[in-house]
Protein backbone atom coordinates (compact mmCIF):
# COMPACT_ATOMS: atom_id res chain seq x y z
CA UNK A 1 -0.14 58.37 172.87
CA UNK A 2 0.36 54.69 172.05
CA UNK A 3 2.32 52.31 169.92
CA UNK A 4 -0.86 50.85 168.42
CA UNK A 5 -0.35 50.78 164.70
CA UNK A 6 -4.02 51.68 164.17
CA UNK A 7 -3.98 54.40 166.65
CA UNK A 8 -4.90 57.70 164.83
CA UNK A 9 -2.90 59.52 167.27
CA UNK A 10 0.21 58.20 165.51
CA UNK A 11 1.97 60.74 163.23
CA UNK A 12 0.28 62.37 160.41
CA UNK A 13 1.98 61.86 156.95
CA UNK A 14 0.92 62.77 153.48
CA UNK A 15 -0.95 60.50 151.17
CA UNK A 16 1.38 61.24 148.16
CA UNK A 17 0.44 61.19 144.60
CA UNK A 18 -0.90 57.75 144.66
CA UNK A 19 -1.11 55.11 141.80
CA UNK A 20 -3.40 55.04 138.68
CA UNK A 21 -6.06 52.20 139.19
CA UNK A 22 -5.81 49.43 138.51
CA UNK A 23 -2.18 48.51 139.23
CA UNK A 24 -0.69 45.04 139.45
CA UNK A 25 1.68 45.13 142.26
CA UNK A 26 3.89 47.24 144.55
CA UNK A 27 6.96 48.37 142.63
CA UNK A 28 9.99 50.26 144.18
CA UNK A 29 11.61 50.66 140.76
CA UNK A 30 10.10 53.53 138.77
CA UNK A 31 11.81 54.04 135.34
CA UNK A 32 14.00 56.78 136.77
CA UNK A 33 15.56 54.24 139.22
CA UNK A 34 16.53 51.48 136.93
CA UNK A 35 19.34 49.35 138.16
CA UNK A 36 21.57 46.58 136.85
CA UNK A 37 20.63 43.69 139.13
CA UNK A 38 23.87 41.86 138.08
CA UNK A 39 25.64 44.57 140.01
CA UNK A 40 23.20 45.49 142.67
CA UNK A 41 21.69 42.98 145.07
CA UNK A 42 17.84 43.73 144.81
CA UNK A 43 17.21 42.80 148.50
CA UNK A 44 20.02 45.18 149.71
CA UNK A 45 18.32 47.64 152.02
CA UNK A 46 20.80 50.26 150.92
CA UNK A 47 20.46 49.66 147.31
CA UNK A 48 17.81 52.49 146.56
CA UNK A 49 19.89 55.15 148.45
CA UNK A 50 23.19 54.08 146.68
CA UNK A 51 21.46 54.10 143.25
CA UNK A 52 20.41 57.55 143.86
CA UNK A 53 23.87 58.96 144.68
CA UNK A 54 23.85 62.30 142.90
CA UNK A 55 27.20 61.36 141.21
CA UNK A 56 25.54 58.47 139.48
CA UNK A 57 22.20 59.87 138.47
CA UNK A 58 21.68 63.48 137.10
CA UNK A 59 19.16 65.52 139.06
CA UNK A 60 17.00 66.01 136.02
CA UNK A 61 16.35 62.22 135.77
CA UNK A 62 15.00 62.02 139.29
CA UNK A 63 11.25 62.55 139.87
CA UNK A 64 10.91 63.80 143.46
CA UNK A 65 7.11 63.14 143.56
CA UNK A 66 7.79 59.41 142.36
CA UNK A 67 10.21 59.15 145.34
CA UNK A 68 7.65 60.41 147.78
CA UNK A 69 5.43 57.57 146.64
CA UNK A 70 8.20 55.02 147.06
CA UNK A 71 8.93 56.25 150.52
CA UNK A 72 5.25 56.12 151.50
CA UNK A 73 5.13 52.51 150.25
CA UNK A 74 8.17 51.65 152.34
CA UNK A 75 6.22 53.22 155.31
CA UNK A 76 3.14 51.10 154.54
CA UNK A 77 5.13 47.88 154.92
CA UNK A 78 7.18 49.12 158.00
CA UNK A 79 10.44 49.61 156.10
CA UNK A 80 11.24 52.81 157.96
CA UNK A 81 14.95 52.95 157.28
CA UNK A 82 14.53 52.71 153.63
CA UNK A 83 11.73 55.24 153.82
CA UNK A 84 14.05 57.67 155.62
CA UNK A 85 16.71 57.37 152.80
CA UNK A 86 13.97 57.76 150.17
CA UNK A 87 12.40 60.85 151.66
CA UNK A 88 15.80 62.46 152.13
CA UNK A 89 16.61 61.95 148.47
CA UNK A 90 13.19 63.30 147.54
CA UNK A 91 13.83 66.48 149.50
CA UNK A 92 17.30 66.83 147.87
CA UNK A 93 16.13 66.34 144.30
CA UNK A 94 12.78 68.33 144.68
CA UNK A 95 12.41 71.38 142.42
CA UNK A 96 9.66 72.79 144.43
CA UNK A 97 9.59 73.74 148.10
CA UNK A 98 6.19 72.13 148.46
CA UNK A 99 7.58 68.67 147.49
CA UNK A 100 10.69 69.16 149.59
CA UNK A 101 8.59 70.05 152.75
CA UNK A 102 6.45 67.13 152.30
CA UNK A 103 9.46 64.95 152.02
CA UNK A 104 11.02 66.34 155.33
CA UNK A 105 7.69 65.92 157.15
CA UNK A 106 7.45 62.29 156.23
CA UNK A 107 11.12 61.74 156.89
CA UNK A 108 10.27 62.87 160.44
CA UNK A 109 7.39 60.47 160.73
CA UNK A 110 9.63 57.58 159.62
CA UNK A 111 12.29 58.67 162.31
CA UNK A 112 9.49 58.86 164.93
CA UNK A 113 8.28 55.42 164.02
CA UNK A 114 11.81 54.26 164.98
CA UNK A 115 11.63 56.33 168.18
CA UNK A 116 14.51 58.46 166.78
CA UNK A 117 12.89 61.59 168.07
CA UNK A 118 15.96 63.83 167.92
CA UNK A 119 16.23 63.09 164.22
CA UNK A 120 12.60 63.53 163.81
CA UNK A 121 12.61 66.87 165.40
CA UNK A 122 15.42 67.90 163.03
CA UNK A 123 13.36 66.77 159.93
CA UNK A 124 10.20 68.75 161.03
CA UNK A 125 12.21 71.96 161.65
CA UNK A 126 13.75 71.40 158.16
CA UNK A 127 10.20 71.32 156.65
CA UNK A 128 9.22 74.46 158.64
CA UNK A 129 12.31 76.27 157.67
CA UNK A 130 11.17 76.01 154.12
CA UNK A 131 7.76 77.52 154.66
CA UNK A 132 6.24 77.93 158.09
CA UNK A 133 2.72 78.81 156.64
CA UNK A 134 2.18 76.28 153.91
CA UNK A 135 -0.31 73.44 153.47
CA UNK A 136 2.15 71.15 155.22
CA UNK A 137 3.17 73.31 158.15
CA UNK A 138 0.29 72.42 160.43
CA UNK A 139 1.20 68.78 160.08
CA UNK A 140 4.83 69.54 160.61
CA UNK A 141 4.00 71.49 163.84
CA UNK A 142 1.76 68.91 165.37
CA UNK A 143 4.21 66.15 164.53
CA UNK A 144 7.02 68.31 166.05
CA UNK A 145 5.12 68.75 169.11
CA UNK A 146 4.65 64.99 169.50
CA UNK A 147 8.41 64.42 168.99
CA UNK A 148 9.34 67.17 171.49
CA UNK A 149 7.06 65.62 173.99
CA UNK A 150 8.55 62.11 173.47
CA UNK A 151 12.00 63.77 173.74
CA UNK A 152 11.02 65.23 177.11
CA UNK A 153 10.73 68.82 176.01
CA UNK A 154 7.12 69.21 177.08
CA UNK A 155 6.94 72.96 177.36
CA UNK A 156 8.07 73.48 173.74
CA UNK A 157 5.68 70.61 172.53
CA UNK A 158 2.62 72.70 173.80
CA UNK A 159 3.92 75.74 171.96
CA UNK A 160 4.03 73.89 168.65
CA UNK A 161 0.77 72.28 169.32
CA UNK A 162 -0.79 75.65 169.78
CA UNK A 163 0.97 76.88 166.56
CA UNK A 164 -0.50 73.94 164.58
CA UNK A 165 -4.01 74.91 165.61
CA UNK A 166 -3.38 78.55 164.69
CA UNK A 167 -2.24 77.39 161.32
CA UNK A 168 -5.20 75.13 160.66
CA UNK A 169 -8.16 75.45 162.93
CA UNK A 170 -9.82 72.62 161.31
CA UNK A 171 -7.12 70.15 161.88
CA UNK A 172 -8.69 67.77 164.44
CA UNK A 173 -5.51 66.01 165.46
CA UNK A 174 -3.79 69.29 166.27
CA UNK A 175 -6.74 70.14 168.59
CA UNK A 176 -6.33 66.75 170.34
CA UNK A 177 -2.57 67.14 170.67
CA UNK A 178 -3.08 70.57 172.28
CA UNK A 179 -5.72 69.11 174.63
CA UNK A 180 -3.43 66.22 175.52
CA UNK A 181 -0.52 68.64 176.40
CA UNK A 182 -2.87 70.87 178.47
CA UNK A 183 -4.24 67.79 180.36
CA UNK A 184 -0.73 66.85 181.19
CA UNK A 185 -0.34 70.26 182.81
CA UNK A 186 -3.44 69.85 184.68
CA UNK A 187 -5.42 72.43 182.65
CA UNK A 188 -8.37 70.20 182.41
CA UNK A 189 -11.09 72.68 181.45
CA UNK A 190 -8.98 74.14 178.47
CA UNK A 191 -8.05 70.43 177.48
CA UNK A 192 -11.75 69.53 177.56
CA UNK A 193 -12.66 72.35 175.07
CA UNK A 194 -9.90 71.03 172.77
CA UNK A 195 -11.12 67.57 172.79
CA UNK A 196 -14.55 68.82 172.00
CA UNK A 197 -13.40 70.80 169.00
CA UNK A 198 -11.48 67.84 167.84
CA UNK A 199 -14.66 65.53 168.05
CA UNK A 200 -16.71 68.30 166.22
CA UNK A 201 -14.08 68.22 163.42
CA UNK A 202 -14.43 64.42 162.95
CA UNK A 203 -11.29 63.40 165.07
CA UNK A 204 -12.70 60.83 167.55
CA UNK A 205 -10.35 58.19 168.80
CA UNK A 206 -9.90 55.74 171.79
CA UNK A 207 -7.16 57.96 173.18
CA UNK A 208 -9.04 61.16 172.76
CA UNK A 209 -11.95 59.70 174.74
CA UNK A 210 -9.75 58.30 177.42
CA UNK A 211 -7.93 61.79 177.77
CA UNK A 212 -11.38 63.48 177.86
CA UNK A 213 -12.56 61.17 180.66
CA UNK A 214 -9.41 62.12 182.54
CA UNK A 215 -10.10 65.84 182.13
CA UNK A 216 -13.69 65.35 183.23
CA UNK A 217 -12.52 63.37 186.34
CA UNK A 218 -10.32 66.25 187.16
CA UNK A 219 -13.14 68.76 186.89
CA UNK A 220 -15.30 66.44 189.23
CA UNK A 221 -17.66 65.35 186.61
CA UNK A 222 -17.36 61.69 187.51
CA UNK A 223 -20.61 60.62 185.95
CA UNK A 224 -19.79 62.09 182.45
CA UNK A 225 -16.24 60.71 182.82
CA UNK A 226 -17.67 57.27 183.27
CA UNK A 227 -19.82 57.58 180.27
CA UNK A 228 -17.00 58.78 178.07
CA UNK A 229 -14.71 55.94 179.44
CA UNK A 230 -17.21 53.40 178.43
CA UNK A 231 -17.55 54.98 174.98
CA UNK A 232 -13.74 54.73 174.60
CA UNK A 233 -13.96 51.02 175.58
CA UNK A 234 -16.68 50.29 172.96
CA UNK A 235 -14.69 52.12 170.32
CA UNK A 236 -11.56 50.04 171.11
CA UNK A 237 -13.59 46.73 170.77
CA UNK A 238 -14.85 47.91 167.52
CA UNK A 239 -11.42 48.53 166.30
CA UNK A 240 -10.18 45.11 167.58
CA UNK A 241 -13.11 43.45 165.70
CA UNK A 242 -12.14 45.04 162.50
CA UNK A 243 -8.56 43.94 162.89
CA UNK A 244 -9.77 40.21 163.29
CA UNK A 245 -11.99 40.39 160.32
C-alpha cells in the first residue's frame, strides 16, 4: 500500500450526490451555509465548522447531503482537515442513517489521508455501529481493515477484510485487501485466489500485480511471477504517462 495519490489501493470513499451539469465553479457555500463575510474571514480554515455550530443554525436548515458534497470537494483539493469537520457535521445533522454512515466513512478516509489511523478507525466503527449490513458497510469494513493494518493491528485487519468480502463478494478492492493481508502472513495460495478474484471483478492495479508476483514467487512459480512483475511495470508506466499528459 502506497502514498501514490493515483493508487487505487487508497481508501474508498463515496461519490456523493454530485452537481448538476454544467456548473461554473467550485462553491463551498450552499444557501444553507450563508455567512456574513464582514464577520467571518472567508479563508479561515475553521469558518465552515464554526458557522455550522448547532447553537447558530437550526438543524432543519442544514442539508446533510449538501454537506457531504462539500466534504468530498474538500477531499479533492486535499483540504483534509476541513473535510473532517464537514463530514462530522453532516453525520450530526443527518436525518437518515444512510447519510450519517456515508459521512462517517468519508470522515475516516480523511483521517487516514492525514495518517491519523486511530481517528480513522473510530470513524469507521461509528459507521458500522449505525448499520453493519448496509450499502456502505463493505466500504467501511475494507477501509477499517486498512487503517488497522497501518495502526499495527494486523490480525484484526484480516478479520475485517474478510468481513468486507462477505458483505459484498463483488467488491474488487475488498478481495485485493484480503489477499494483501494473507500474503503478509505467508498464505500465498489463498492470497493468489483473492488477487485473481479482484482482477475478474475489474480491480487491476500496479500494487495488486506486484503482490500477485510475490505470491507466485512464494509458490515457486518464478516464470509466471516475472511475467506479472513486467505487467505491473508496464501498467505503472502507463499511469505515469497519463499524469504527464
